[in-house]
């Protein structure tokens, strides 16, 4: 009768434990590799996103600066347009003929006169410089008519001031007197060429 030799139970248990340990380390390595791969992918995505965003911002600023420079150098309504308007304004002031619609100021002379005030039984010494405003397009016609009627207009101004009451002469704006002189002057000119009356250095002193 033959006898079979059986391996020791301990040897089988040791082999199974070694195999189980190898499998455990393998899965741990697989899981760790997956985690590292996910982290690496996230880092790579973040790097690419930040790089692309930075490039876009840089290109946008460069493009905006280039467009701004191009606009400043070629804009027909920029500094060159302002210069041309400024020159046109200077030409209107210094030229012989005013621009259409431009208001011009005309010297109508200095006045010094006395005016008696019956209400207060006093006499006023009145001094002032008179100016008129006209449209630039009427300047030539006004000058001709004013020279022809200059003495008549001056008499009308003197009469208006002498007949004015104290309240009108002390009015800060001299509104009534201005309206009267304006009406009488345009009547003498034969046409409403005068647009306004301006008093300069108006002084009324009681004697």
N, C-alpha and C. Protein backbone atom coordinates (compact mmCIF):
# COMPACT_ATOMS: atom_id res chain seq x y z
N UNK A 1 0.85 -1.19 0.00
CA UNK A 1 0.00 0.00 0.00
C UNK A 1 0.88 1.24 0.00
N UNK A 2 0.60 2.18 -1.08
CA UNK A 2 1.43 3.38 -1.20
C UNK A 2 0.87 4.53 -0.36
N UNK A 3 1.74 5.39 0.02
CA UNK A 3 1.35 6.55 0.87
C UNK A 3 1.60 7.83 0.10
N UNK A 4 0.55 8.76 -0.11
CA UNK A 4 0.68 10.07 -0.80
C UNK A 4 1.10 11.13 0.20
N UNK A 5 1.99 12.01 -0.31
CA UNK A 5 2.50 13.09 0.55
C UNK A 5 1.71 14.37 0.26
N UNK A 6 1.06 14.97 1.22
CA UNK A 6 0.24 16.19 1.09
C UNK A 6 1.07 17.38 1.51
N UNK A 7 0.97 18.53 0.71
CA UNK A 7 1.73 19.74 1.11
C UNK A 7 1.20 20.29 2.41
N UNK A 8 2.05 20.92 3.10
CA UNK A 8 1.63 21.46 4.40
C UNK A 8 0.60 22.57 4.20
N UNK A 9 -0.41 22.60 5.00
CA UNK A 9 -1.43 23.65 4.90
C UNK A 9 -0.86 25.06 5.01
N UNK A 10 0.19 25.17 5.77
CA UNK A 10 0.78 26.51 5.98
C UNK A 10 1.35 27.06 4.70
N UNK A 11 1.92 26.14 3.86
CA UNK A 11 2.51 26.59 2.60
C UNK A 11 1.45 27.14 1.68
N UNK A 12 0.27 26.48 1.57
CA UNK A 12 -0.83 27.00 0.75
C UNK A 12 -1.35 28.34 1.28
N UNK A 13 -1.47 28.44 2.55
CA UNK A 13 -1.96 29.72 3.13
C UNK A 13 -1.00 30.86 2.84
N UNK A 14 0.31 30.55 2.91
CA UNK A 14 1.29 31.61 2.63
C UNK A 14 1.23 32.06 1.19
N UNK A 15 1.02 31.10 0.26
CA UNK A 15 0.94 31.48 -1.15
C UNK A 15 -0.27 32.32 -1.47
N UNK A 16 -1.41 31.94 -0.87
CA UNK A 16 -2.64 32.75 -1.10
C UNK A 16 -2.49 34.16 -0.55
N UNK A 17 -1.85 34.26 0.60
CA UNK A 17 -1.66 35.61 1.20
C UNK A 17 -0.77 36.47 0.33
N UNK A 18 0.29 35.83 -0.24
CA UNK A 18 1.20 36.61 -1.11
C UNK A 18 0.49 37.08 -2.36
N UNK A 19 -0.35 36.16 -2.92
CA UNK A 19 -1.10 36.55 -4.13
C UNK A 19 -2.09 37.66 -3.83
N UNK A 20 -2.77 37.53 -2.69
CA UNK A 20 -3.73 38.59 -2.32
C UNK A 20 -3.02 39.92 -2.10
N UNK A 21 -1.82 39.87 -1.50
CA UNK A 21 -1.06 41.13 -1.27
C UNK A 21 -0.66 41.78 -2.56
N UNK A 22 -0.23 40.97 -3.53
CA UNK A 22 0.16 41.52 -4.84
C UNK A 22 -1.02 42.17 -5.53
N UNK A 23 -2.21 41.48 -5.47
CA UNK A 23 -3.40 42.05 -6.10
C UNK A 23 -3.81 43.35 -5.42
N UNK A 24 -3.71 43.42 -4.08
CA UNK A 24 -4.07 44.65 -3.36
C UNK A 24 -3.19 45.83 -3.77
N UNK A 25 -1.86 45.55 -3.86
CA UNK A 25 -0.95 46.64 -4.28
C UNK A 25 -1.21 47.06 -5.73
N UNK A 26 -1.59 46.13 -6.55
CA UNK A 26 -1.89 46.45 -7.95
C UNK A 26 -3.07 47.41 -8.06
N UNK A 27 -4.15 47.10 -7.36
CA UNK A 27 -5.32 47.98 -7.43
C UNK A 27 -5.05 49.34 -6.79
N UNK A 28 -4.26 49.33 -5.73
CA UNK A 28 -3.87 50.62 -5.13
C UNK A 28 -3.09 51.48 -6.13
N UNK A 29 -2.20 50.80 -6.85
CA UNK A 29 -1.40 51.52 -7.86
C UNK A 29 -2.29 52.05 -8.98
N UNK A 30 -3.30 51.22 -9.37
CA UNK A 30 -4.22 51.65 -10.43
C UNK A 30 -5.03 52.87 -9.98
N UNK A 31 -5.56 52.80 -8.75
CA UNK A 31 -6.36 53.93 -8.22
C UNK A 31 -5.51 55.19 -8.10
N UNK A 32 -4.28 55.00 -7.56
CA UNK A 32 -3.39 56.16 -7.43
C UNK A 32 -3.05 56.76 -8.79
N UNK A 33 -2.86 55.87 -9.77
CA UNK A 33 -2.57 56.37 -11.12
C UNK A 33 -3.73 57.16 -11.70
N UNK A 34 -4.96 56.66 -11.45
CA UNK A 34 -6.13 57.39 -11.95
C UNK A 34 -6.27 58.76 -11.28
N UNK A 35 -6.02 58.78 -9.98
CA UNK A 35 -6.09 60.08 -9.26
C UNK A 35 -5.07 61.06 -9.79
N UNK A 36 -3.83 60.55 -9.97
CA UNK A 36 -2.79 61.43 -10.51
C UNK A 36 -3.12 61.89 -11.92
N UNK A 37 -3.72 61.01 -12.72
CA UNK A 37 -4.08 61.39 -14.08
C UNK A 37 -5.16 62.48 -14.08
N UNK A 38 -6.16 62.34 -13.18
CA UNK A 38 -7.21 63.35 -13.09
C UNK A 38 -6.64 64.70 -12.66
N UNK A 39 -5.77 64.65 -11.63
CA UNK A 39 -5.16 65.90 -11.16
C UNK A 39 -4.31 66.53 -12.24
N UNK A 40 -3.56 65.69 -12.95
CA UNK A 40 -2.73 66.22 -14.04
C UNK A 40 -3.56 66.85 -15.14
N UNK A 41 -4.69 66.20 -15.47
CA UNK A 41 -5.57 66.75 -16.51
C UNK A 41 -6.16 68.09 -16.09
N UNK A 42 -6.56 68.17 -14.81
CA UNK A 42 -7.11 69.45 -14.32
C UNK A 42 -6.06 70.55 -14.35
N UNK A 43 -4.86 70.23 -13.94
CA UNK A 43 -3.78 71.23 -13.97
C UNK A 43 -3.49 71.68 -15.40
N UNK A 44 -3.47 70.71 -16.33
CA UNK A 44 -3.21 71.05 -17.72
C UNK A 44 -4.32 71.94 -18.28
N UNK A 45 -5.57 71.60 -17.95
CA UNK A 45 -6.70 72.42 -18.43
C UNK A 45 -6.63 73.83 -17.87
N UNK A 46 -6.31 73.95 -16.56
CA UNK A 46 -6.19 75.28 -15.95
C UNK A 46 -5.08 76.08 -16.59
N UNK A 47 -3.95 75.43 -16.88
CA UNK A 47 -2.82 76.12 -17.51
C UNK A 47 -3.19 76.64 -18.90
N UNK A 48 -3.84 75.77 -19.68
CA UNK A 48 -4.24 76.16 -21.04
C UNK A 48 -5.26 77.29 -20.99
N UNK A 49 -6.22 77.21 -20.08
CA UNK A 49 -7.26 78.25 -19.98
C UNK A 49 -6.66 79.61 -19.61
N UNK A 50 -5.77 79.59 -18.62
CA UNK A 50 -5.13 80.86 -18.20
C UNK A 50 -4.28 81.43 -19.32
N UNK A 51 -3.56 80.56 -20.03
CA UNK A 51 -2.70 81.04 -21.12
C UNK A 51 -3.53 81.66 -22.24
N UNK A 52 -4.61 80.99 -22.63
CA UNK A 52 -5.47 81.51 -23.70
C UNK A 52 -6.11 82.82 -23.30
N UNK A 53 -6.60 82.90 -22.04
CA UNK A 53 -7.23 84.14 -21.57
C UNK A 53 -6.24 85.30 -21.56
N UNK A 54 -5.01 85.02 -21.13
CA UNK A 54 -3.98 86.07 -21.10
C UNK A 54 -3.64 86.55 -22.51
N UNK A 55 -3.52 85.60 -23.45
CA UNK A 55 -3.23 85.99 -24.84
C UNK A 55 -4.34 86.84 -25.43
N UNK A 56 -5.60 86.46 -25.14
CA UNK A 56 -6.72 87.24 -25.66
C UNK A 56 -6.72 88.66 -25.10
N UNK A 57 -6.46 88.77 -23.79
CA UNK A 57 -6.44 90.10 -23.17
C UNK A 57 -5.32 90.95 -23.75
N UNK A 58 -4.15 90.34 -23.94
CA UNK A 58 -3.02 91.09 -24.50
C UNK A 58 -3.30 91.53 -25.93
N UNK A 59 -3.84 90.62 -26.74
CA UNK A 59 -4.16 90.95 -28.13
C UNK A 59 -5.25 92.01 -28.20
N UNK A 60 -6.22 91.95 -27.29
CA UNK A 60 -7.30 92.94 -27.27
C UNK A 60 -6.77 94.32 -26.97
N UNK A 61 -5.84 94.43 -25.98
CA UNK A 61 -5.27 95.73 -25.65
C UNK A 61 -4.45 96.28 -26.80
N UNK A 62 -3.64 95.39 -27.44
CA UNK A 62 -2.83 95.84 -28.57
C UNK A 62 -3.71 96.32 -29.71
N UNK A 63 -4.79 95.57 -29.98
CA UNK A 63 -5.70 95.94 -31.07
C UNK A 63 -6.39 97.26 -30.78
N UNK A 64 -6.82 97.43 -29.50
CA UNK A 64 -7.47 98.68 -29.13
C UNK A 64 -6.54 99.87 -29.25
N UNK A 65 -5.26 99.68 -28.83
CA UNK A 65 -4.29 100.77 -28.94
C UNK A 65 -4.03 101.11 -30.39
N UNK A 66 -3.93 100.07 -31.23
CA UNK A 66 -3.68 100.32 -32.66
C UNK A 66 -4.83 101.08 -33.29
N UNK A 67 -6.08 100.65 -32.94
CA UNK A 67 -7.23 101.34 -33.50
C UNK A 67 -7.31 102.77 -33.03
N UNK A 68 -6.99 102.99 -31.73
CA UNK A 68 -7.03 104.35 -31.20
C UNK A 68 -6.01 105.23 -31.90
N UNK A 69 -4.79 104.67 -32.11
CA UNK A 69 -3.77 105.44 -32.80
C UNK A 69 -4.18 105.77 -34.22
N UNK A 70 -4.79 104.79 -34.89
CA UNK A 70 -5.24 105.01 -36.27
C UNK A 70 -6.34 106.06 -36.30
N UNK A 71 -7.25 106.00 -35.32
CA UNK A 71 -8.35 106.97 -35.28
C UNK A 71 -7.83 108.38 -35.03
N UNK A 72 -6.83 108.50 -34.13
CA UNK A 72 -6.30 109.83 -33.82
C UNK A 72 -5.57 110.42 -35.00
N UNK A 73 -4.88 109.55 -35.80
CA UNK A 73 -4.07 110.08 -36.88
C UNK A 73 -4.86 110.37 -38.14
N UNK A 74 -6.05 109.75 -38.28
CA UNK A 74 -6.80 109.92 -39.52
C UNK A 74 -8.19 110.49 -39.32
N UNK A 75 -8.57 110.80 -38.09
CA UNK A 75 -9.94 111.28 -37.84
C UNK A 75 -10.12 112.66 -38.45
N UNK A 76 -11.04 112.80 -39.43
CA UNK A 76 -11.22 114.12 -40.06
C UNK A 76 -11.87 115.12 -39.15
N UNK A 77 -12.47 114.65 -38.01
CA UNK A 77 -13.11 115.58 -37.09
C UNK A 77 -12.27 115.80 -35.85
N UNK A 78 -10.99 115.44 -35.89
CA UNK A 78 -10.12 115.58 -34.73
C UNK A 78 -9.51 116.96 -34.64
N UNK A 79 -8.18 116.96 -34.30
CA UNK A 79 -7.51 118.24 -34.08
C UNK A 79 -7.44 119.06 -35.35
N UNK A 80 -7.27 118.40 -36.50
CA UNK A 80 -7.19 119.16 -37.76
C UNK A 80 -8.49 119.88 -38.04
N UNK A 81 -9.61 119.22 -37.72
CA UNK A 81 -10.91 119.86 -37.95
C UNK A 81 -11.08 121.06 -37.04
N UNK A 82 -10.58 120.93 -35.76
CA UNK A 82 -10.68 122.06 -34.85
C UNK A 82 -9.84 123.22 -35.33
N UNK A 83 -8.63 122.89 -35.86
CA UNK A 83 -7.77 123.96 -36.37
C UNK A 83 -8.44 124.69 -37.52
N UNK A 84 -9.09 123.93 -38.41
CA UNK A 84 -9.72 124.57 -39.56
C UNK A 84 -10.87 125.46 -39.13
N UNK A 85 -11.63 125.01 -38.09
CA UNK A 85 -12.72 125.86 -37.61
C UNK A 85 -12.17 127.12 -36.95
N UNK A 86 -11.05 126.96 -36.21
CA UNK A 86 -10.46 128.13 -35.58
C UNK A 86 -10.00 129.15 -36.61
N UNK A 87 -9.39 128.67 -37.70
CA UNK A 87 -8.93 129.58 -38.74
C UNK A 87 -10.12 130.28 -39.41
N UNK A 88 -11.20 129.52 -39.58
CA UNK A 88 -12.37 130.13 -40.20
C UNK A 88 -12.93 131.22 -39.32
N UNK A 89 -12.91 131.00 -37.99
CA UNK A 89 -13.41 132.03 -37.08
C UNK A 89 -12.53 133.26 -37.13
N UNK A 90 -11.18 133.04 -37.20
CA UNK A 90 -10.28 134.19 -37.28
C UNK A 90 -10.50 134.96 -38.58
N UNK A 91 -10.76 134.26 -39.63
CA UNK A 91 -11.01 134.92 -40.91
C UNK A 91 -12.27 135.77 -40.83
N UNK A 92 -13.27 135.24 -40.12
CA UNK A 92 -14.52 136.01 -40.00
C UNK A 92 -14.31 137.29 -39.23
N UNK A 93 -13.41 137.24 -38.19
CA UNK A 93 -13.18 138.44 -37.39
C UNK A 93 -12.27 139.42 -38.13
N UNK A 94 -11.22 138.89 -38.77
CA UNK A 94 -10.25 139.78 -39.36
C UNK A 94 -10.56 140.16 -40.80
N UNK A 95 -11.50 139.46 -41.43
CA UNK A 95 -11.80 139.75 -42.83
C UNK A 95 -12.58 141.03 -42.99
N UNK A 96 -12.70 141.48 -44.20
CA UNK A 96 -13.43 142.70 -44.48
C UNK A 96 -14.93 142.50 -44.34
N UNK A 97 -15.40 141.30 -44.60
CA UNK A 97 -16.83 141.02 -44.53
C UNK A 97 -17.09 139.98 -43.46
N UNK A 98 -18.06 140.22 -42.58
CA UNK A 98 -18.39 139.26 -41.53
C UNK A 98 -19.12 138.07 -42.10
N UNK A 99 -19.07 136.99 -41.35
CA UNK A 99 -19.77 135.78 -41.78
C UNK A 99 -21.27 135.98 -41.64
N UNK A 100 -22.01 135.21 -42.42
CA UNK A 100 -23.46 135.31 -42.39
C UNK A 100 -23.97 134.90 -41.02
N UNK A 101 -24.79 135.75 -40.40
CA UNK A 101 -25.35 135.45 -39.09
C UNK A 101 -24.46 135.86 -37.94
N UNK A 102 -23.21 136.26 -38.20
CA UNK A 102 -22.29 136.66 -37.14
C UNK A 102 -22.63 138.07 -36.68
N UNK A 103 -22.64 138.27 -35.36
CA UNK A 103 -22.98 139.58 -34.81
C UNK A 103 -21.72 140.41 -34.67
N UNK A 104 -21.78 141.64 -35.17
CA UNK A 104 -20.64 142.55 -35.10
C UNK A 104 -21.00 143.76 -34.26
N UNK A 105 -20.00 144.33 -33.60
CA UNK A 105 -20.21 145.50 -32.76
C UNK A 105 -19.63 146.73 -33.46
N UNK A 106 -20.45 147.78 -33.55
CA UNK A 106 -20.08 149.00 -34.28
C UNK A 106 -19.97 150.17 -33.30
N UNK A 107 -18.89 150.92 -33.40
CA UNK A 107 -18.70 152.10 -32.54
C UNK A 107 -19.58 153.24 -33.06
N UNK A 108 -20.46 153.74 -32.18
CA UNK A 108 -21.35 154.85 -32.56
C UNK A 108 -20.99 156.15 -31.85
N UNK A 109 -19.81 156.20 -31.27
CA UNK A 109 -19.30 157.46 -30.75
C UNK A 109 -19.43 157.65 -29.24
N UNK A 110 -18.71 158.66 -28.73
CA UNK A 110 -18.76 159.04 -27.33
C UNK A 110 -19.68 160.25 -27.16
N UNK A 111 -20.33 160.32 -26.00
CA UNK A 111 -21.29 161.39 -25.74
C UNK A 111 -21.01 161.99 -24.36
N UNK A 112 -21.16 163.29 -24.30
CA UNK A 112 -21.08 164.02 -23.04
C UNK A 112 -22.09 165.16 -23.11
N UNK A 113 -23.07 165.15 -22.23
CA UNK A 113 -24.15 166.14 -22.30
C UNK A 113 -24.72 166.39 -20.92
N UNK A 114 -25.55 167.42 -20.83
CA UNK A 114 -26.27 167.73 -19.60
C UNK A 114 -27.76 167.55 -19.84
N UNK A 115 -28.45 167.08 -18.82
CA UNK A 115 -29.88 166.84 -18.94
C UNK A 115 -30.56 167.42 -17.70
N UNK A 116 -31.52 168.28 -17.90
CA UNK A 116 -32.25 168.90 -16.79
C UNK A 116 -33.40 168.00 -16.37
N UNK A 117 -33.57 167.84 -15.05
CA UNK A 117 -34.63 167.01 -14.49
C UNK A 117 -35.64 167.92 -13.78
N UNK A 118 -36.77 168.21 -14.44
CA UNK A 118 -37.75 169.14 -13.83
C UNK A 118 -38.31 168.64 -12.51
N UNK A 119 -38.48 167.33 -12.39
CA UNK A 119 -39.10 166.79 -11.18
C UNK A 119 -38.27 167.09 -9.94
N UNK A 120 -36.96 167.01 -10.08
CA UNK A 120 -36.08 167.27 -8.92
C UNK A 120 -35.38 168.62 -9.02
N UNK A 121 -35.64 169.34 -10.13
CA UNK A 121 -35.02 170.65 -10.35
C UNK A 121 -33.49 170.55 -10.27
N UNK A 122 -32.96 169.52 -10.90
CA UNK A 122 -31.51 169.31 -10.92
C UNK A 122 -31.05 169.09 -12.34
N UNK A 123 -29.73 169.23 -12.53
CA UNK A 123 -29.12 169.00 -13.83
C UNK A 123 -28.12 167.86 -13.71
N UNK A 124 -28.18 166.93 -14.66
CA UNK A 124 -27.28 165.78 -14.66
C UNK A 124 -26.23 165.94 -15.74
N UNK A 125 -25.00 165.63 -15.38
CA UNK A 125 -23.93 165.53 -16.36
C UNK A 125 -23.81 164.04 -16.73
N UNK A 126 -24.01 163.74 -18.01
CA UNK A 126 -24.07 162.35 -18.46
C UNK A 126 -22.97 162.09 -19.48
N UNK A 127 -22.21 161.05 -19.24
CA UNK A 127 -21.15 160.64 -20.16
C UNK A 127 -21.31 159.14 -20.46
N UNK A 128 -21.08 158.76 -21.71
CA UNK A 128 -21.14 157.35 -22.08
C UNK A 128 -20.54 157.14 -23.46
N UNK A 129 -20.25 155.88 -23.76
CA UNK A 129 -19.78 155.48 -25.08
C UNK A 129 -20.83 154.54 -25.64
N UNK A 130 -21.27 154.81 -26.87
CA UNK A 130 -22.37 154.07 -27.46
C UNK A 130 -21.88 153.11 -28.54
N UNK A 131 -22.40 151.89 -28.49
CA UNK A 131 -22.09 150.88 -29.51
C UNK A 131 -23.39 150.27 -30.02
N UNK A 132 -23.35 149.82 -31.27
CA UNK A 132 -24.48 149.10 -31.84
C UNK A 132 -24.06 147.74 -32.32
N UNK A 133 -24.97 146.77 -32.28
CA UNK A 133 -24.68 145.43 -32.79
C UNK A 133 -25.48 145.19 -34.06
N UNK A 134 -24.79 144.62 -35.05
CA UNK A 134 -25.42 144.34 -36.35
C UNK A 134 -25.01 142.95 -36.81
N UNK A 135 -25.70 142.46 -37.82
CA UNK A 135 -25.32 141.19 -38.44
C UNK A 135 -24.14 141.43 -39.37
N UNK A 136 -23.24 140.45 -39.44
CA UNK A 136 -22.06 140.61 -40.27
C UNK A 136 -22.38 140.86 -41.73
N UNK A 137 -23.46 140.27 -42.21
CA UNK A 137 -23.81 140.43 -43.62
C UNK A 137 -24.37 141.83 -43.92
N UNK A 138 -24.76 142.57 -42.86
CA UNK A 138 -25.30 143.93 -43.05
C UNK A 138 -24.26 145.01 -42.80
N UNK A 139 -23.03 144.60 -42.48
CA UNK A 139 -22.03 145.59 -42.07
C UNK A 139 -21.78 146.64 -43.14
N UNK A 140 -21.59 146.21 -44.36
CA UNK A 140 -21.27 147.16 -45.44
C UNK A 140 -22.42 148.14 -45.66
N UNK A 141 -23.62 147.63 -45.71
CA UNK A 141 -24.79 148.50 -45.92
C UNK A 141 -25.00 149.44 -44.74
N UNK A 142 -24.79 148.93 -43.52
CA UNK A 142 -24.95 149.77 -42.33
C UNK A 142 -23.94 150.91 -42.35
N UNK A 143 -22.69 150.57 -42.68
CA UNK A 143 -21.64 151.61 -42.68
C UNK A 143 -21.99 152.74 -43.64
N UNK A 144 -22.48 152.39 -44.82
CA UNK A 144 -22.85 153.42 -45.79
C UNK A 144 -23.98 154.29 -45.27
N UNK A 145 -25.04 153.64 -44.77
CA UNK A 145 -26.20 154.40 -44.30
C UNK A 145 -25.89 155.20 -43.03
N UNK A 146 -25.04 154.65 -42.19
CA UNK A 146 -24.71 155.36 -40.96
C UNK A 146 -23.91 156.62 -41.25
N UNK A 147 -22.97 156.55 -42.18
CA UNK A 147 -22.18 157.73 -42.53
C UNK A 147 -23.07 158.84 -43.11
N UNK A 148 -24.07 158.44 -43.89
CA UNK A 148 -24.98 159.43 -44.48
C UNK A 148 -25.85 160.08 -43.40
N UNK A 149 -26.30 159.30 -42.42
CA UNK A 149 -27.25 159.78 -41.41
C UNK A 149 -26.61 159.94 -40.03
N UNK A 150 -25.31 160.04 -39.98
CA UNK A 150 -24.59 160.06 -38.71
C UNK A 150 -25.04 161.21 -37.81
N UNK A 151 -25.11 162.41 -38.31
CA UNK A 151 -25.47 163.57 -37.49
C UNK A 151 -26.92 163.49 -37.04
N UNK A 152 -27.78 163.01 -37.91
CA UNK A 152 -29.19 162.86 -37.55
C UNK A 152 -29.35 161.84 -36.42
N UNK A 153 -28.63 160.74 -36.53
CA UNK A 153 -28.69 159.71 -35.49
C UNK A 153 -28.15 160.23 -34.17
N UNK A 154 -27.07 161.02 -34.23
CA UNK A 154 -26.49 161.57 -33.01
C UNK A 154 -27.48 162.51 -32.32
N UNK A 155 -28.17 163.33 -33.10
CA UNK A 155 -29.18 164.22 -32.52
C UNK A 155 -30.31 163.42 -31.87
N UNK A 156 -30.70 162.33 -32.51
CA UNK A 156 -31.75 161.48 -31.94
C UNK A 156 -31.31 160.89 -30.60
N UNK A 157 -30.05 160.49 -30.49
CA UNK A 157 -29.53 159.94 -29.24
C UNK A 157 -29.53 161.01 -28.15
N UNK A 158 -29.05 162.20 -28.48
CA UNK A 158 -29.01 163.29 -27.49
C UNK A 158 -30.43 163.65 -27.02
N UNK A 159 -31.36 163.71 -27.95
CA UNK A 159 -32.75 164.03 -27.59
C UNK A 159 -33.34 162.96 -26.67
N UNK A 160 -33.06 161.72 -26.97
CA UNK A 160 -33.58 160.62 -26.16
C UNK A 160 -33.04 160.69 -24.74
N UNK A 161 -31.75 160.94 -24.58
CA UNK A 161 -31.15 160.99 -23.25
C UNK A 161 -31.67 162.20 -22.47
N UNK A 162 -31.76 163.35 -23.11
CA UNK A 162 -32.21 164.56 -22.41
C UNK A 162 -33.67 164.46 -21.96
N UNK A 163 -34.48 163.75 -22.73
CA UNK A 163 -35.89 163.63 -22.39
C UNK A 163 -36.19 162.47 -21.44
N UNK A 164 -35.17 161.68 -21.12
CA UNK A 164 -35.37 160.54 -20.25
C UNK A 164 -35.57 160.98 -18.80
N UNK A 165 -36.39 160.25 -18.08
CA UNK A 165 -36.63 160.54 -16.67
C UNK A 165 -35.52 159.92 -15.81
N UNK A 166 -35.47 160.39 -14.56
CA UNK A 166 -34.43 159.93 -13.66
C UNK A 166 -34.48 158.40 -13.48
N UNK A 167 -35.69 157.85 -13.38
CA UNK A 167 -35.83 156.41 -13.19
C UNK A 167 -35.25 155.63 -14.36
N UNK A 168 -35.41 156.17 -15.59
CA UNK A 168 -34.86 155.50 -16.77
C UNK A 168 -33.33 155.60 -16.81
N UNK A 169 -32.81 156.73 -16.37
CA UNK A 169 -31.36 156.93 -16.38
C UNK A 169 -30.66 156.12 -15.30
N UNK A 170 -31.37 155.84 -14.22
CA UNK A 170 -30.77 155.06 -13.13
C UNK A 170 -31.07 153.56 -13.25
N UNK A 171 -31.82 153.19 -14.28
CA UNK A 171 -32.09 151.76 -14.51
C UNK A 171 -30.78 151.07 -14.88
N UNK A 172 -30.39 150.00 -14.14
CA UNK A 172 -29.09 149.34 -14.42
C UNK A 172 -28.96 148.85 -15.86
N UNK A 173 -30.05 148.42 -16.46
CA UNK A 173 -29.98 147.93 -17.84
C UNK A 173 -30.27 148.97 -18.89
N UNK A 174 -30.76 150.16 -18.46
CA UNK A 174 -31.13 151.24 -19.39
C UNK A 174 -32.04 150.69 -20.50
N UNK A 175 -32.95 149.81 -20.12
CA UNK A 175 -33.77 149.11 -21.10
C UNK A 175 -34.61 150.01 -21.98
N UNK A 176 -35.35 150.95 -21.37
CA UNK A 176 -36.23 151.82 -22.15
C UNK A 176 -35.42 152.72 -23.08
N UNK A 177 -34.33 153.26 -22.59
CA UNK A 177 -33.50 154.15 -23.42
C UNK A 177 -32.91 153.39 -24.60
N UNK A 178 -32.47 152.16 -24.37
CA UNK A 178 -31.91 151.35 -25.46
C UNK A 178 -32.96 151.10 -26.54
N UNK A 179 -34.18 150.77 -26.12
CA UNK A 179 -35.24 150.49 -27.10
C UNK A 179 -35.58 151.73 -27.91
N UNK A 180 -35.62 152.89 -27.26
CA UNK A 180 -35.93 154.14 -27.96
C UNK A 180 -34.84 154.49 -28.97
N UNK A 181 -33.57 154.37 -28.56
CA UNK A 181 -32.46 154.68 -29.48
C UNK A 181 -32.44 153.69 -30.64
N UNK A 182 -32.69 152.43 -30.36
CA UNK A 182 -32.71 151.41 -31.41
C UNK A 182 -33.79 151.72 -32.45
N UNK A 183 -34.98 152.06 -31.98
CA UNK A 183 -36.08 152.35 -32.89
C UNK A 183 -35.80 153.60 -33.73
N UNK A 184 -35.31 154.66 -33.11
CA UNK A 184 -35.05 155.90 -33.84
C UNK A 184 -33.89 155.75 -34.82
N UNK A 185 -32.87 154.98 -34.45
CA UNK A 185 -31.72 154.79 -35.34
C UNK A 185 -32.12 154.00 -36.58
N UNK A 186 -32.87 152.92 -36.40
CA UNK A 186 -33.32 152.12 -37.56
C UNK A 186 -34.25 152.93 -38.46
N UNK A 187 -35.03 153.81 -37.84
CA UNK A 187 -35.90 154.66 -38.65
C UNK A 187 -35.06 155.61 -39.51
N UNK A 188 -33.98 156.13 -38.93
CA UNK A 188 -33.09 157.03 -39.68
C UNK A 188 -32.34 156.28 -40.78
N UNK A 189 -32.01 155.03 -40.51
CA UNK A 189 -31.30 154.22 -41.51
C UNK A 189 -32.22 153.77 -42.64
N UNK A 190 -33.52 153.79 -42.40
CA UNK A 190 -34.47 153.36 -43.42
C UNK A 190 -34.67 151.87 -43.48
N UNK A 191 -34.01 151.14 -42.59
CA UNK A 191 -34.09 149.68 -42.59
C UNK A 191 -33.62 149.19 -41.23
N UNK A 192 -34.23 148.14 -40.68
CA UNK A 192 -33.81 147.65 -39.36
C UNK A 192 -32.47 146.93 -39.40
N UNK A 193 -31.41 147.67 -39.65
CA UNK A 193 -30.08 147.08 -39.71
C UNK A 193 -29.46 146.90 -38.33
N UNK A 194 -29.83 147.78 -37.41
CA UNK A 194 -29.28 147.73 -36.06
C UNK A 194 -30.06 146.71 -35.23
N UNK A 195 -29.34 145.80 -34.58
CA UNK A 195 -29.98 144.74 -33.81
C UNK A 195 -30.02 145.03 -32.31
N UNK A 196 -29.08 145.81 -31.84
CA UNK A 196 -29.04 146.08 -30.40
C UNK A 196 -28.21 147.30 -30.10
N UNK A 197 -28.38 147.82 -28.86
CA UNK A 197 -27.66 148.99 -28.38
C UNK A 197 -26.88 148.59 -27.14
N UNK A 198 -25.63 149.05 -27.06
CA UNK A 198 -24.77 148.75 -25.90
C UNK A 198 -24.19 150.06 -25.38
N UNK A 199 -24.37 150.30 -24.05
CA UNK A 199 -23.77 151.45 -23.39
C UNK A 199 -22.50 151.01 -22.68
N UNK A 200 -21.44 151.81 -22.83
CA UNK A 200 -20.19 151.54 -22.13
C UNK A 200 -19.80 152.79 -21.32
N UNK A 201 -19.35 152.57 -20.08
CA UNK A 201 -18.90 153.65 -19.20
C UNK A 201 -20.00 154.70 -19.00
N UNK A 202 -21.22 154.26 -18.78
CA UNK A 202 -22.33 155.19 -18.57
C UNK A 202 -22.22 155.79 -17.17
N UNK A 203 -22.26 157.12 -17.14
CA UNK A 203 -22.12 157.83 -15.86
C UNK A 203 -23.05 159.02 -15.86
N UNK A 204 -23.88 159.12 -14.84
CA UNK A 204 -24.79 160.26 -14.68
C UNK A 204 -24.55 160.87 -13.31
N UNK A 205 -24.03 162.12 -13.29
CA UNK A 205 -23.67 162.80 -12.04
C UNK A 205 -24.51 164.06 -11.90
N UNK A 206 -25.08 164.20 -10.72
CA UNK A 206 -25.89 165.39 -10.45
C UNK A 206 -24.99 166.59 -10.20
N UNK A 207 -25.30 167.71 -10.87
CA UNK A 207 -24.51 168.93 -10.69
C UNK A 207 -25.11 169.84 -9.62
